[in-house]
N, C-alpha and C. Protein backbone atom coordinates (compact mmCIF):
# COMPACT_ATOMS: atom_id res chain seq x y z
N MET A 1 -6.17 -21.27 4.38
CA MET A 1 -5.97 -21.42 5.81
C MET A 1 -6.81 -20.35 6.52
N ASN A 2 -7.64 -20.77 7.44
CA ASN A 2 -8.47 -19.86 8.20
C ASN A 2 -7.78 -19.55 9.52
N VAL A 3 -7.29 -18.32 9.65
CA VAL A 3 -6.56 -17.92 10.84
C VAL A 3 -7.34 -16.79 11.51
N ASN A 4 -7.48 -16.86 12.82
CA ASN A 4 -8.14 -15.80 13.56
C ASN A 4 -7.18 -14.61 13.67
N LEU A 5 -7.46 -13.56 12.89
CA LEU A 5 -6.57 -12.41 12.85
C LEU A 5 -6.81 -11.52 14.07
N LEU A 6 -5.74 -11.04 14.64
CA LEU A 6 -5.80 -10.22 15.84
C LEU A 6 -5.38 -8.80 15.53
N ASP A 7 -5.68 -7.89 16.45
CA ASP A 7 -5.18 -6.52 16.28
C ASP A 7 -3.83 -6.35 16.93
N HIS A 8 -3.31 -7.40 17.55
CA HIS A 8 -1.97 -7.41 18.15
C HIS A 8 -1.79 -6.31 19.19
N GLY A 9 -2.87 -5.88 19.81
CA GLY A 9 -2.79 -4.87 20.85
C GLY A 9 -2.59 -3.46 20.34
N LEU A 10 -2.75 -3.27 19.03
CA LEU A 10 -2.57 -1.95 18.45
C LEU A 10 -3.90 -1.18 18.45
N PRO A 11 -3.85 0.13 18.48
CA PRO A 11 -5.07 0.95 18.66
C PRO A 11 -5.86 1.20 17.36
N LEU A 12 -5.96 0.20 16.50
CA LEU A 12 -6.60 0.40 15.20
C LEU A 12 -8.07 0.79 15.34
N VAL A 13 -8.82 0.07 16.14
CA VAL A 13 -10.25 0.36 16.28
C VAL A 13 -10.46 1.76 16.85
N ALA A 14 -9.68 2.11 17.85
CA ALA A 14 -9.81 3.44 18.47
C ALA A 14 -9.53 4.55 17.46
N LEU A 15 -8.51 4.35 16.62
CA LEU A 15 -8.20 5.36 15.61
C LEU A 15 -9.30 5.47 14.56
N LYS A 16 -9.86 4.33 14.16
CA LYS A 16 -10.96 4.37 13.19
C LYS A 16 -12.18 5.07 13.77
N GLU A 17 -12.44 4.85 15.06
CA GLU A 17 -13.56 5.53 15.71
C GLU A 17 -13.30 7.03 15.81
N GLN A 18 -12.07 7.39 16.12
CA GLN A 18 -11.71 8.81 16.22
C GLN A 18 -11.86 9.48 14.85
N ARG A 19 -11.41 8.81 13.80
CA ARG A 19 -11.56 9.35 12.44
C ARG A 19 -13.02 9.53 12.10
N ARG A 20 -13.83 8.50 12.40
CA ARG A 20 -15.27 8.57 12.12
C ARG A 20 -15.91 9.74 12.86
N ASP A 21 -15.57 9.91 14.13
CA ASP A 21 -16.13 11.01 14.93
C ASP A 21 -15.78 12.37 14.34
N LEU A 22 -14.53 12.51 13.90
CA LEU A 22 -14.11 13.78 13.30
C LEU A 22 -14.87 14.05 12.00
N ILE A 23 -15.03 13.02 11.20
CA ILE A 23 -15.74 13.20 9.93
C ILE A 23 -17.22 13.47 10.19
N MET A 24 -17.81 12.75 11.14
CA MET A 24 -19.22 12.97 11.47
C MET A 24 -19.45 14.39 11.98
N SER A 25 -18.48 14.94 12.67
CA SER A 25 -18.64 16.30 13.18
C SER A 25 -18.67 17.34 12.05
N LEU A 26 -18.21 16.94 10.89
CA LEU A 26 -18.21 17.86 9.75
C LEU A 26 -19.50 17.80 8.94
N ILE A 27 -20.32 16.79 9.19
CA ILE A 27 -21.58 16.67 8.45
C ILE A 27 -22.47 17.86 8.79
N GLY A 28 -22.99 18.47 7.77
CA GLY A 28 -23.85 19.63 7.94
C GLY A 28 -23.08 20.93 8.13
N HIS A 29 -21.75 20.81 8.14
CA HIS A 29 -20.91 21.98 8.30
C HIS A 29 -21.00 22.83 7.04
N SER A 30 -21.22 24.12 7.21
CA SER A 30 -21.25 25.00 6.04
C SER A 30 -19.99 25.84 6.04
N GLY A 31 -19.56 26.19 4.88
CA GLY A 31 -18.34 26.98 4.76
C GLY A 31 -17.13 26.07 4.64
N SER A 32 -16.00 26.70 4.67
CA SER A 32 -14.76 25.93 4.51
C SER A 32 -14.42 25.18 5.80
N ILE A 33 -13.73 24.09 5.62
CA ILE A 33 -13.31 23.27 6.76
C ILE A 33 -11.94 23.75 7.21
N ALA A 34 -11.75 23.85 8.49
CA ALA A 34 -10.49 24.33 9.04
C ALA A 34 -9.34 23.40 8.63
N THR A 35 -8.22 24.00 8.30
CA THR A 35 -7.04 23.24 7.92
C THR A 35 -6.64 22.27 9.01
N GLU A 36 -6.81 22.66 10.28
CA GLU A 36 -6.45 21.80 11.40
C GLU A 36 -7.28 20.51 11.39
N ALA A 37 -8.56 20.62 11.06
CA ALA A 37 -9.43 19.45 11.03
C ALA A 37 -8.99 18.50 9.92
N ILE A 38 -8.71 19.04 8.76
CA ILE A 38 -8.25 18.21 7.64
C ILE A 38 -6.91 17.56 7.96
N THR A 39 -6.02 18.33 8.57
CA THR A 39 -4.71 17.81 8.95
C THR A 39 -4.84 16.69 9.97
N GLU A 40 -5.73 16.85 10.95
CA GLU A 40 -5.93 15.82 11.97
C GLU A 40 -6.50 14.54 11.36
N ILE A 41 -7.47 14.68 10.49
CA ILE A 41 -8.05 13.51 9.83
C ILE A 41 -6.99 12.81 8.97
N ALA A 42 -6.20 13.57 8.25
CA ALA A 42 -5.15 12.99 7.42
C ALA A 42 -4.10 12.27 8.27
N ALA A 43 -3.74 12.85 9.41
CA ALA A 43 -2.76 12.21 10.29
C ALA A 43 -3.30 10.91 10.85
N ILE A 44 -4.56 10.91 11.24
CA ILE A 44 -5.18 9.69 11.76
C ILE A 44 -5.24 8.63 10.66
N GLN A 45 -5.59 9.04 9.44
CA GLN A 45 -5.64 8.09 8.34
C GLN A 45 -4.26 7.50 8.07
N SER A 46 -3.23 8.31 8.14
CA SER A 46 -1.87 7.81 7.95
C SER A 46 -1.50 6.79 9.02
N ALA A 47 -1.89 7.07 10.25
CA ALA A 47 -1.63 6.14 11.35
C ALA A 47 -2.39 4.83 11.14
N ILE A 48 -3.64 4.92 10.69
CA ILE A 48 -4.44 3.73 10.42
C ILE A 48 -3.77 2.88 9.35
N THR A 49 -3.33 3.51 8.28
CA THR A 49 -2.67 2.79 7.19
C THR A 49 -1.40 2.11 7.68
N ALA A 50 -0.61 2.80 8.48
CA ALA A 50 0.63 2.23 9.01
C ALA A 50 0.34 1.05 9.93
N ILE A 51 -0.65 1.18 10.79
CA ILE A 51 -0.99 0.09 11.71
C ILE A 51 -1.52 -1.11 10.94
N GLU A 52 -2.34 -0.87 9.93
CA GLU A 52 -2.84 -1.99 9.11
C GLU A 52 -1.69 -2.72 8.44
N SER A 53 -0.68 -1.99 8.03
CA SER A 53 0.50 -2.62 7.42
C SER A 53 1.26 -3.47 8.44
N VAL A 54 1.42 -2.93 9.64
CA VAL A 54 2.10 -3.68 10.70
C VAL A 54 1.32 -4.94 11.06
N ILE A 55 0.00 -4.82 11.15
CA ILE A 55 -0.84 -5.97 11.47
C ILE A 55 -0.70 -7.03 10.38
N ALA A 56 -0.70 -6.62 9.12
CA ALA A 56 -0.54 -7.57 8.02
C ALA A 56 0.80 -8.31 8.14
N ASP A 57 1.86 -7.56 8.46
CA ASP A 57 3.18 -8.18 8.63
C ASP A 57 3.18 -9.17 9.81
N LEU A 58 2.59 -8.78 10.92
CA LEU A 58 2.54 -9.65 12.09
C LEU A 58 1.72 -10.91 11.80
N ASP A 59 0.60 -10.73 11.10
CA ASP A 59 -0.23 -11.88 10.74
C ASP A 59 0.53 -12.83 9.83
N GLU A 60 1.28 -12.29 8.88
CA GLU A 60 2.07 -13.13 7.98
C GLU A 60 3.13 -13.90 8.76
N GLU A 61 3.78 -13.24 9.70
CA GLU A 61 4.77 -13.91 10.54
C GLU A 61 4.13 -15.03 11.36
N MET A 62 2.95 -14.76 11.91
CA MET A 62 2.26 -15.78 12.69
C MET A 62 1.89 -16.98 11.82
N CYS A 63 1.38 -16.71 10.63
CA CYS A 63 1.00 -17.80 9.72
C CYS A 63 2.23 -18.61 9.32
N SER A 64 3.32 -17.94 9.04
CA SER A 64 4.55 -18.64 8.67
C SER A 64 5.05 -19.50 9.82
N ALA A 65 4.96 -18.99 11.03
CA ALA A 65 5.39 -19.76 12.20
C ALA A 65 4.51 -20.99 12.40
N ILE A 66 3.21 -20.84 12.18
CA ILE A 66 2.29 -21.97 12.31
C ILE A 66 2.60 -23.04 11.27
N VAL A 67 2.82 -22.61 10.03
CA VAL A 67 3.14 -23.55 8.95
C VAL A 67 4.45 -24.27 9.26
N ALA A 68 5.46 -23.53 9.72
CA ALA A 68 6.75 -24.14 10.05
C ALA A 68 6.61 -25.13 11.20
N GLU A 69 5.81 -24.78 12.19
CA GLU A 69 5.61 -25.66 13.34
C GLU A 69 4.90 -26.95 12.91
N ARG A 70 3.91 -26.81 12.05
CA ARG A 70 3.19 -28.00 11.57
C ARG A 70 4.11 -28.88 10.72
N ALA A 71 4.95 -28.25 9.90
CA ALA A 71 5.89 -29.02 9.08
C ALA A 71 6.86 -29.79 9.97
N THR A 72 7.32 -29.15 11.02
CA THR A 72 8.23 -29.81 11.96
C THR A 72 7.53 -30.98 12.64
N SER A 73 6.28 -30.78 13.03
CA SER A 73 5.51 -31.84 13.69
C SER A 73 5.32 -33.03 12.75
N VAL A 74 5.01 -32.75 11.49
CA VAL A 74 4.78 -33.82 10.51
C VAL A 74 6.10 -34.58 10.27
N ARG A 75 7.19 -33.85 10.18
CA ARG A 75 8.49 -34.52 9.99
C ARG A 75 8.82 -35.39 11.19
N GLY A 76 8.49 -34.94 12.37
CA GLY A 76 8.75 -35.72 13.59
C GLY A 76 7.93 -36.98 13.64
N LEU A 77 6.71 -36.93 13.11
CA LEU A 77 5.86 -38.11 13.10
C LEU A 77 6.33 -39.16 12.09
N SER A 78 6.95 -38.69 11.02
CA SER A 78 7.35 -39.62 9.97
C SER A 78 8.68 -40.30 10.28
N ASN A 79 9.37 -39.86 11.30
CA ASN A 79 10.67 -40.48 11.66
C ASN A 79 10.49 -41.71 12.46
């Protein structure tokens, strides 16, 4: 089933861009990386993972609703 997956209004793209910007700012950095920078990147990654999980759940619910609606329509036609 080909379903157009949505971000459901969640800030996934913005968080991925923020993570990328933070990592890019470290390129060419010499010496140790500040604990705050690592902590911020890790927190953003955790948020990205959580949002991706929520999106997967929402997409599954949408697909299930579509399948149920189509099954109901088909049953209605056969009566």
